[in-house]
């Protein structure tokens, strides 16, 4: 099934698109139009291949951040869509924010937040379908905040029985953390296998109340990778 070039974005359309390998983007924050993307090369982060540097391990063990999940989804999206000195514009427009917030309310979209002194300083968000998690975007306002959020995400996905973490594209930042590129056909096979799994994004919270503790997260990744 081919996706329309210019979708009228609705939550059900977005979920269907992901199961087919597509995802939506806009040309700019203030551009109302949205288009579907199906890359020839796809970024993924193998759940057994997360690379954690010595400095990142230190940040985790020191619990530099209070890490939560699904407590500030809209705020995370807004931060990811902000213009910064490193990025003049964004592909996340107002319609995308609106629809993904609806998906969050329906239980399909999730966020990880990193807080410091009660201030949101980093985080990420994405879509969960079956045993696939489609990472959409991340942001960081202090060193290591987005990396810590990603480590927590990988721990959740491992414990929750997921088979795929889709990063869409590869950046130097993601590559240093273990992300790789694969061809579209190889991605489609991994996607099909992951979609039949029954991933549980909240399983880590059922295992332990210490899910926000950095040392527990490191231990979890070591045991499940």
Foldseek 3Di string as FASTA:
>chain_A
DDDDFWDPDALVSQVVQVLVQWHKWAPFQAGPTIGIDRDQKFKWFFLLFFDADPVLLVCQQVCQWQKDKLPCVLVFLVQQQDADPVHRTGRCYPVNSVRVVVCVVVVFKMKMFTDHPNHTFKIWMFGDAAQETETDGIGGNDPCGHVLRVLLQSLLSLLQPHGTYTDGDDDPVVVNRRMDMDGSVVVSVSSVVRNNHHGDSCSLVVVDVCSRRSVVSVVSSVVRD
